[in-house]
N, C-alpha and C. Protein backbone atom coordinates (compact mmCIF):
# COMPACT_ATOMS: atom_id res chain seq x y z
N MET A 1 0.80 -0.91 0.14
CA MET A 1 -0.30 -0.07 0.03
C MET A 1 0.95 1.25 0.06
N THR A 2 0.84 2.15 -0.50
CA THR A 2 1.33 4.02 -1.15
C THR A 2 0.68 4.22 0.24
N GLN A 3 1.62 5.66 1.20
CA GLN A 3 1.13 6.32 2.06
C GLN A 3 1.08 7.34 1.26
N TYR A 4 0.16 7.96 1.50
CA TYR A 4 -0.30 9.40 1.38
C TYR A 4 -0.40 10.38 1.90
N LEU A 5 -0.50 11.89 1.55
CA LEU A 5 -0.86 13.19 2.91
C LEU A 5 -1.32 13.36 2.49
N MET A 6 -3.00 13.81 3.20
CA MET A 6 -3.96 14.64 2.52
C MET A 6 -3.92 15.60 3.99
N SER A 7 -3.76 17.08 2.87
CA SER A 7 -3.37 18.01 3.77
C SER A 7 -4.71 18.98 3.96
N VAL A 8 -4.98 19.33 4.94
CA VAL A 8 -6.21 20.20 5.38
C VAL A 8 -6.14 21.64 5.27
N TYR A 9 -6.76 22.82 4.57
CA TYR A 9 -5.79 24.33 4.28
C TYR A 9 -7.04 25.33 4.94
N MET A 10 -6.13 25.79 5.13
CA MET A 10 -7.21 27.10 6.23
C MET A 10 -6.57 28.43 5.14
N VAL A 11 -8.04 29.18 5.10
CA VAL A 11 -7.80 30.35 4.43
C VAL A 11 -7.58 31.19 5.18
N GLU A 12 -6.79 31.98 4.81
CA GLU A 12 -6.88 33.28 5.41
C GLU A 12 -8.26 34.36 5.98
N GLY A 13 -7.99 35.13 6.39
CA GLY A 13 -9.60 36.46 6.26
C GLY A 13 -11.00 35.52 6.77
N GLU A 14 -10.90 34.45 6.02
CA GLU A 14 -12.29 33.54 5.31
C GLU A 14 -13.01 33.89 7.21
N GLU A 15 -14.54 33.81 7.31
CA GLU A 15 -14.59 34.08 8.55
C GLU A 15 -15.34 32.76 8.71
N LEU A 16 -15.08 32.35 10.62
CA LEU A 16 -15.18 31.16 11.35
C LEU A 16 -15.62 30.68 11.40
N PRO A 17 -15.96 30.01 11.02
CA PRO A 17 -17.69 28.84 11.55
C PRO A 17 -18.24 29.22 13.06
N SER A 18 -19.24 29.35 12.87
CA SER A 18 -20.04 29.84 14.26
C SER A 18 -20.23 28.36 15.62
N PRO A 19 -19.66 28.95 16.92
CA PRO A 19 -19.03 27.63 17.23
C PRO A 19 -20.30 26.33 17.26
N GLU A 20 -21.60 26.37 17.22
CA GLU A 20 -22.23 25.05 16.74
C GLU A 20 -21.56 24.46 15.19
N VAL A 21 -21.18 25.31 14.55
CA VAL A 21 -20.23 25.02 13.18
C VAL A 21 -19.64 24.07 13.54
N MET A 22 -18.57 24.58 14.24
CA MET A 22 -17.18 23.94 15.10
C MET A 22 -17.42 22.74 15.90
N GLU A 23 -18.20 22.35 16.04
CA GLU A 23 -18.56 21.56 17.28
C GLU A 23 -19.33 20.68 16.68
N GLN A 24 -19.95 20.32 15.49
CA GLN A 24 -20.38 20.07 14.06
C GLN A 24 -19.41 19.24 13.70
N MET A 25 -18.33 19.94 13.19
CA MET A 25 -17.05 19.54 12.36
C MET A 25 -16.45 18.74 13.12
N TYR A 26 -15.60 19.29 14.75
CA TYR A 26 -15.16 18.31 15.45
C TYR A 26 -16.05 16.57 15.47
N LYS A 27 -17.10 16.87 15.29
CA LYS A 27 -17.51 15.40 15.83
C LYS A 27 -17.84 14.81 14.60
N ASP A 28 -17.82 15.35 13.45
CA ASP A 28 -17.14 14.73 11.73
C ASP A 28 -16.42 14.37 11.64
N VAL A 29 -15.74 15.03 12.23
CA VAL A 29 -13.95 14.19 11.91
C VAL A 29 -13.93 13.43 13.11
N ASP A 30 -13.80 13.43 13.57
CA ASP A 30 -13.91 12.56 14.74
C ASP A 30 -14.58 11.15 14.18
N VAL A 31 -15.84 11.22 13.62
CA VAL A 31 -16.79 10.07 12.95
C VAL A 31 -15.66 9.42 11.86
N PHE A 32 -15.15 10.33 10.76
CA PHE A 32 -13.61 10.12 10.32
C PHE A 32 -12.93 9.68 10.59
N ASN A 33 -12.47 9.78 11.60
CA ASN A 33 -11.17 9.45 12.15
C ASN A 33 -11.68 8.54 12.58
N SER A 34 -12.29 7.47 13.16
CA SER A 34 -12.68 6.48 14.23
C SER A 34 -12.72 5.55 12.48
N GLU A 35 -13.42 5.71 11.62
CA GLU A 35 -13.90 4.93 10.44
C GLU A 35 -12.64 4.79 9.87
N ILE A 36 -11.55 5.52 9.47
CA ILE A 36 -10.39 5.03 8.42
C ILE A 36 -9.77 4.27 9.83
N GLN A 37 -9.91 4.75 10.70
CA GLN A 37 -9.04 3.38 11.55
C GLN A 37 -9.68 2.04 11.62
N ALA A 38 -10.58 2.27 11.84
CA ALA A 38 -11.30 0.81 11.55
C ALA A 38 -11.62 0.18 10.32
N SER A 39 -11.11 0.42 9.48
CA SER A 39 -10.75 0.56 8.16
C SER A 39 -9.31 0.18 7.65
N GLY A 40 -8.04 0.37 8.76
CA GLY A 40 -7.02 -0.02 7.92
C GLY A 40 -6.27 1.02 7.63
N ASN A 41 -6.67 2.11 7.14
CA ASN A 41 -6.05 3.18 6.53
C ASN A 41 -5.81 4.18 7.08
N TRP A 42 -5.52 4.14 8.18
CA TRP A 42 -5.09 5.27 9.09
C TRP A 42 -3.40 5.47 9.72
N VAL A 43 -2.92 5.96 9.68
CA VAL A 43 -1.12 6.32 9.98
C VAL A 43 -1.38 7.20 10.97
N PHE A 44 -1.48 8.07 10.83
CA PHE A 44 -1.43 9.25 11.78
C PHE A 44 -2.20 10.63 10.90
N ALA A 45 -2.63 11.60 12.12
CA ALA A 45 -3.40 12.80 11.97
C ALA A 45 -3.34 13.78 13.26
N GLY A 46 -3.86 15.00 12.54
CA GLY A 46 -3.24 16.07 13.60
C GLY A 46 -3.62 17.45 13.23
N GLY A 47 -4.22 18.34 13.87
CA GLY A 47 -4.67 19.81 13.71
C GLY A 47 -3.50 20.77 13.95
N LEU A 48 -3.84 21.77 13.12
CA LEU A 48 -1.64 22.58 14.00
C LEU A 48 -3.04 23.87 14.26
N HIS A 49 -2.07 24.62 15.18
CA HIS A 49 -2.25 25.96 15.83
C HIS A 49 -2.44 26.79 14.51
N PRO A 50 -2.80 28.11 14.85
CA PRO A 50 -2.59 28.65 13.39
C PRO A 50 -1.32 29.24 12.69
N ALA A 51 -1.14 29.18 11.60
CA ALA A 51 0.05 29.65 11.28
C ALA A 51 1.26 30.29 11.43
N ASN A 52 0.14 32.14 12.30
CA ASN A 52 0.79 32.69 12.75
C ASN A 52 1.75 31.99 14.39
N THR A 53 1.43 31.20 14.48
CA THR A 53 2.28 30.43 15.67
C THR A 53 3.52 30.31 15.18
N ALA A 54 3.50 29.39 13.77
CA ALA A 54 4.65 28.86 13.02
C ALA A 54 6.55 30.26 13.55
N THR A 55 7.00 28.71 13.48
CA THR A 55 8.64 29.72 13.46
C THR A 55 9.32 28.95 13.03
N VAL A 56 10.17 29.78 11.88
CA VAL A 56 10.55 29.11 10.76
C VAL A 56 12.00 28.96 11.06
N VAL A 57 12.69 27.96 10.83
CA VAL A 57 14.60 27.77 10.86
C VAL A 57 14.83 27.27 9.43
N LYS A 58 16.01 27.96 9.58
CA LYS A 58 16.93 27.57 8.32
C LYS A 58 18.60 28.19 8.31
N VAL A 59 19.33 27.90 7.95
CA VAL A 59 20.07 28.28 7.33
C VAL A 59 20.73 29.75 6.32
N ALA A 60 21.23 30.57 7.26
CA ALA A 60 21.70 31.93 6.68
C ALA A 60 21.98 31.87 5.31
N GLU A 61 22.59 30.72 5.20
CA GLU A 61 23.26 31.55 3.46
C GLU A 61 23.37 29.68 3.44
N PRO A 62 22.37 28.97 2.84
CA PRO A 62 22.58 27.96 2.23
C PRO A 62 23.73 27.35 1.09
N ALA A 63 24.33 25.92 0.94
CA ALA A 63 24.70 25.92 0.39
C ALA A 63 24.30 26.30 -1.62
N GLN A 64 25.42 26.14 -1.99
CA GLN A 64 24.11 26.56 -3.36
C GLN A 64 24.78 24.24 -4.02
N PRO A 65 23.45 24.73 -5.06
CA PRO A 65 23.37 23.24 -5.21
C PRO A 65 24.60 23.10 -6.47
N TRP A 66 25.29 23.27 -6.36
CA TRP A 66 26.28 23.58 -8.23
C TRP A 66 27.38 23.22 -7.04
N THR A 67 27.61 22.69 -6.01
CA THR A 67 28.64 22.61 -5.27
C THR A 67 28.51 21.86 -3.78
N ASP A 68 29.63 20.89 -3.48
CA ASP A 68 29.25 20.04 -2.39
C ASP A 68 29.08 19.99 -0.73
N ALA A 69 29.54 22.14 -1.44
CA ALA A 69 29.62 22.26 0.18
C ALA A 69 28.08 22.49 0.96
N LEU A 70 28.50 22.04 2.57
CA LEU A 70 27.71 22.21 3.56
C LEU A 70 26.03 23.44 3.67
N GLY A 71 27.22 24.80 3.22
CA GLY A 71 26.35 26.05 3.72
C GLY A 71 27.59 26.70 4.72
N THR A 72 27.34 27.59 5.05
CA THR A 72 28.81 28.36 6.00
C THR A 72 27.52 29.08 6.83
N GLY A 73 26.62 29.49 6.48
CA GLY A 73 25.28 31.15 7.01
C GLY A 73 25.41 30.02 8.89
N ASP A 74 25.18 30.84 9.74
CA ASP A 74 24.40 30.74 10.91
C ASP A 74 23.09 29.98 10.76
N VAL A 75 22.88 29.12 11.89
CA VAL A 75 21.08 28.26 11.42
C VAL A 75 20.18 29.63 12.08
N ILE A 76 19.14 30.33 10.92
CA ILE A 76 18.35 31.34 12.23
C ILE A 76 17.09 30.87 12.31
N THR A 77 16.52 31.95 13.07
CA THR A 77 14.76 31.48 13.51
C THR A 77 14.26 32.41 13.27
N THR A 78 13.10 32.70 12.11
CA THR A 78 12.73 34.00 12.47
C THR A 78 10.68 33.70 12.76
N ASP A 79 9.33 34.87 13.46
CA ASP A 79 8.74 34.40 13.00
C ASP A 79 7.70 33.42 11.48
N GLY A 80 7.50 33.08 12.07
CA GLY A 80 6.36 32.22 10.44
C GLY A 80 5.04 32.72 10.08
N PRO A 81 4.21 32.07 9.36
CA PRO A 81 4.64 31.13 8.66
C PRO A 81 5.66 31.29 7.76
N PHE A 82 6.69 30.59 6.90
CA PHE A 82 7.62 30.56 5.30
C PHE A 82 7.04 31.24 4.69
N ALA A 83 5.75 30.40 3.97
CA ALA A 83 5.27 30.82 2.83
C ALA A 83 4.52 32.24 3.21
N GLU A 84 4.49 33.43 2.21
CA GLU A 84 3.52 34.66 2.11
C GLU A 84 2.38 33.80 1.00
N THR A 85 0.86 33.53 1.99
CA THR A 85 -0.05 33.32 1.05
C THR A 85 -1.13 33.23 2.54
N LYS A 86 -2.04 33.70 1.78
CA LYS A 86 -3.38 33.41 1.81
C LYS A 86 -3.62 31.66 2.89
N GLU A 87 -3.66 31.36 1.90
CA GLU A 87 -4.04 29.72 2.74
C GLU A 87 -2.85 28.93 3.38
N GLN A 88 -2.99 28.68 4.35
CA GLN A 88 -2.40 27.86 5.06
C GLN A 88 -2.60 26.49 5.56
N LEU A 89 -1.56 25.10 5.61
CA LEU A 89 -1.78 24.30 6.43
C LEU A 89 -2.63 23.81 7.67
N GLY A 90 -3.67 23.44 7.53
CA GLY A 90 -4.30 23.86 8.90
C GLY A 90 -4.37 22.44 9.78
N GLY A 91 -4.54 21.46 9.24
CA GLY A 91 -3.59 20.28 9.61
C GLY A 91 -3.79 19.16 8.91
N PHE A 92 -3.46 17.76 9.13
CA PHE A 92 -3.52 16.53 7.92
C PHE A 92 -3.90 15.22 8.71
N TRP A 93 -3.65 14.25 7.49
CA TRP A 93 -3.75 12.97 7.50
C TRP A 93 -2.74 12.17 7.22
N VAL A 94 -1.90 11.15 7.63
CA VAL A 94 -0.59 10.58 6.94
C VAL A 94 -1.98 9.52 6.92
N ILE A 95 -2.68 8.79 5.87
CA ILE A 95 -3.27 7.63 4.90
C ILE A 95 -2.05 6.00 4.41
N GLU A 96 -2.75 5.12 4.29
CA GLU A 96 -2.08 4.42 3.31
C GLU A 96 -3.37 3.54 2.44
N ALA A 97 -3.05 3.24 1.40
CA ALA A 97 -4.35 3.58 0.43
C ALA A 97 -3.37 2.51 -0.58
N LYS A 98 -4.20 1.42 -1.38
CA LYS A 98 -4.12 0.71 -2.20
C LYS A 98 -3.67 1.51 -3.78
N ASP A 99 -3.99 2.83 -3.66
CA ASP A 99 -3.84 3.88 -5.15
C ASP A 99 -4.33 5.06 -4.78
N LEU A 100 -4.54 5.88 -5.78
CA LEU A 100 -4.87 7.08 -5.53
C LEU A 100 -6.50 7.15 -5.51
N ASP A 101 -6.80 6.60 -6.60
CA ASP A 101 -8.23 6.29 -6.79
C ASP A 101 -8.76 6.34 -4.70
N GLU A 102 -8.56 4.94 -3.86
CA GLU A 102 -8.90 4.89 -3.09
C GLU A 102 -8.50 6.32 -1.86
N ALA A 103 -7.48 7.14 -2.30
CA ALA A 103 -7.05 8.22 -1.11
C ALA A 103 -7.75 9.24 -1.26
N LEU A 104 -8.15 9.20 -2.74
CA LEU A 104 -8.95 10.54 -3.42
C LEU A 104 -10.46 10.16 -2.97
N ALA A 105 -10.97 8.95 -2.74
CA ALA A 105 -12.03 8.93 -1.92
C ALA A 105 -12.38 8.62 -0.27
N LEU A 106 -11.25 8.97 0.14
CA LEU A 106 -11.07 8.87 1.81
C LEU A 106 -11.16 10.58 2.12
N ALA A 107 -10.19 11.21 0.98
CA ALA A 107 -9.86 12.48 0.90
C ALA A 107 -11.79 13.60 0.66
N ALA A 108 -12.47 12.87 -0.22
CA ALA A 108 -13.42 13.17 -0.39
C ALA A 108 -14.55 13.31 0.78
N ARG A 109 -14.14 12.44 1.81
CA ARG A 109 -15.33 12.11 3.00
C ARG A 109 -14.48 13.22 3.79
N ALA A 110 -13.00 12.84 3.81
CA ALA A 110 -12.28 14.76 4.64
C ALA A 110 -13.03 15.60 4.38
N THR A 111 -12.95 15.68 3.69
CA THR A 111 -13.30 17.01 2.74
C THR A 111 -14.27 17.82 3.49
N VAL A 112 -16.16 17.06 3.40
CA VAL A 112 -16.67 17.10 4.42
C VAL A 112 -16.52 17.21 5.27
N ALA A 113 -16.18 16.51 6.35
CA ALA A 113 -15.77 16.66 7.90
C ALA A 113 -15.54 17.82 7.93
N CYS A 114 -14.76 17.42 7.56
CA CYS A 114 -13.74 19.56 8.11
C CYS A 114 -13.96 20.05 7.49
N HIS A 115 -14.69 20.31 6.71
CA HIS A 115 -15.28 21.38 5.87
C HIS A 115 -14.64 22.65 5.10
N ALA A 116 -13.09 22.02 4.61
CA ALA A 116 -12.13 22.76 4.18
C ALA A 116 -11.62 21.78 3.02
N PRO A 117 -10.81 22.76 2.03
CA PRO A 117 -10.34 22.07 1.50
C PRO A 117 -8.72 20.52 1.79
N VAL A 118 -9.15 19.69 0.54
CA VAL A 118 -8.05 18.74 0.96
C VAL A 118 -7.37 18.46 -0.01
N GLU A 119 -5.92 18.11 0.54
CA GLU A 119 -5.11 18.48 -1.17
C GLU A 119 -4.08 16.55 -0.89
N VAL A 120 -4.22 15.99 -1.48
CA VAL A 120 -3.54 14.76 -1.34
C VAL A 120 -2.42 14.19 -2.44
N ARG A 121 -1.28 14.52 -1.79
CA ARG A 121 -0.05 13.60 -2.76
C ARG A 121 -0.12 12.67 -1.86
N PRO A 122 0.94 11.37 -2.80
CA PRO A 122 1.33 10.31 -2.63
C PRO A 122 3.09 10.93 -2.20
N PHE A 123 3.75 9.87 -0.42
CA PHE A 123 4.62 9.64 -0.32
C PHE A 123 5.51 9.62 -1.24
N GLN A 124 7.02 9.72 -1.58
CA GLN A 124 7.93 8.83 -1.97
C GLN A 124 8.62 7.49 -1.97
N GLU A 125 8.62 6.93 -2.65
CA GLU A 125 8.61 5.39 -1.97
C GLU A 125 10.16 5.43 -1.48
N GLU A 126 10.08 4.64 -1.53
CA GLU A 126 11.60 4.40 -0.61
C GLU A 126 13.03 3.82 -2.11
N PRO A 127 14.08 3.82 -1.78
CA PRO A 127 14.47 3.15 -2.71
C PRO A 127 14.70 1.78 -2.47
N GLY A 128 14.26 0.99 -3.76
CA GLY A 128 14.77 -0.56 -3.50
C GLY A 128 12.96 -1.16 -3.71
N GLU A 129 12.11 0.26 -3.32
CA GLU A 129 10.54 -0.39 -3.04
C GLU A 129 10.29 -0.49 -4.84
């Protein structure tokens, strides 16, 4: 089976759902999580705090792609998020599915449960697999 990342995205500036809608979303996601755990598709999942709580860690002067150097700069941290975009990662599932069609079917159920867009991407295979 292939592992897939199902990423849930939040859009900055969009009005937050009412407390009643949020409560229903949490219940729907809990039901979805229970179903994929029972089906054997579950690997791991988690929700994230808002993107403005992120910290970015990077090398000040990274190695250049045309050299073997590791980079000479210090490691620095800055307030996040890393990407300058309105859409930010809000949560995710790591699942196992027999193929992309099965992963997309699970993502269709996930997007209904969490009321947010869900992106599906396969993990790279390990060498030799």
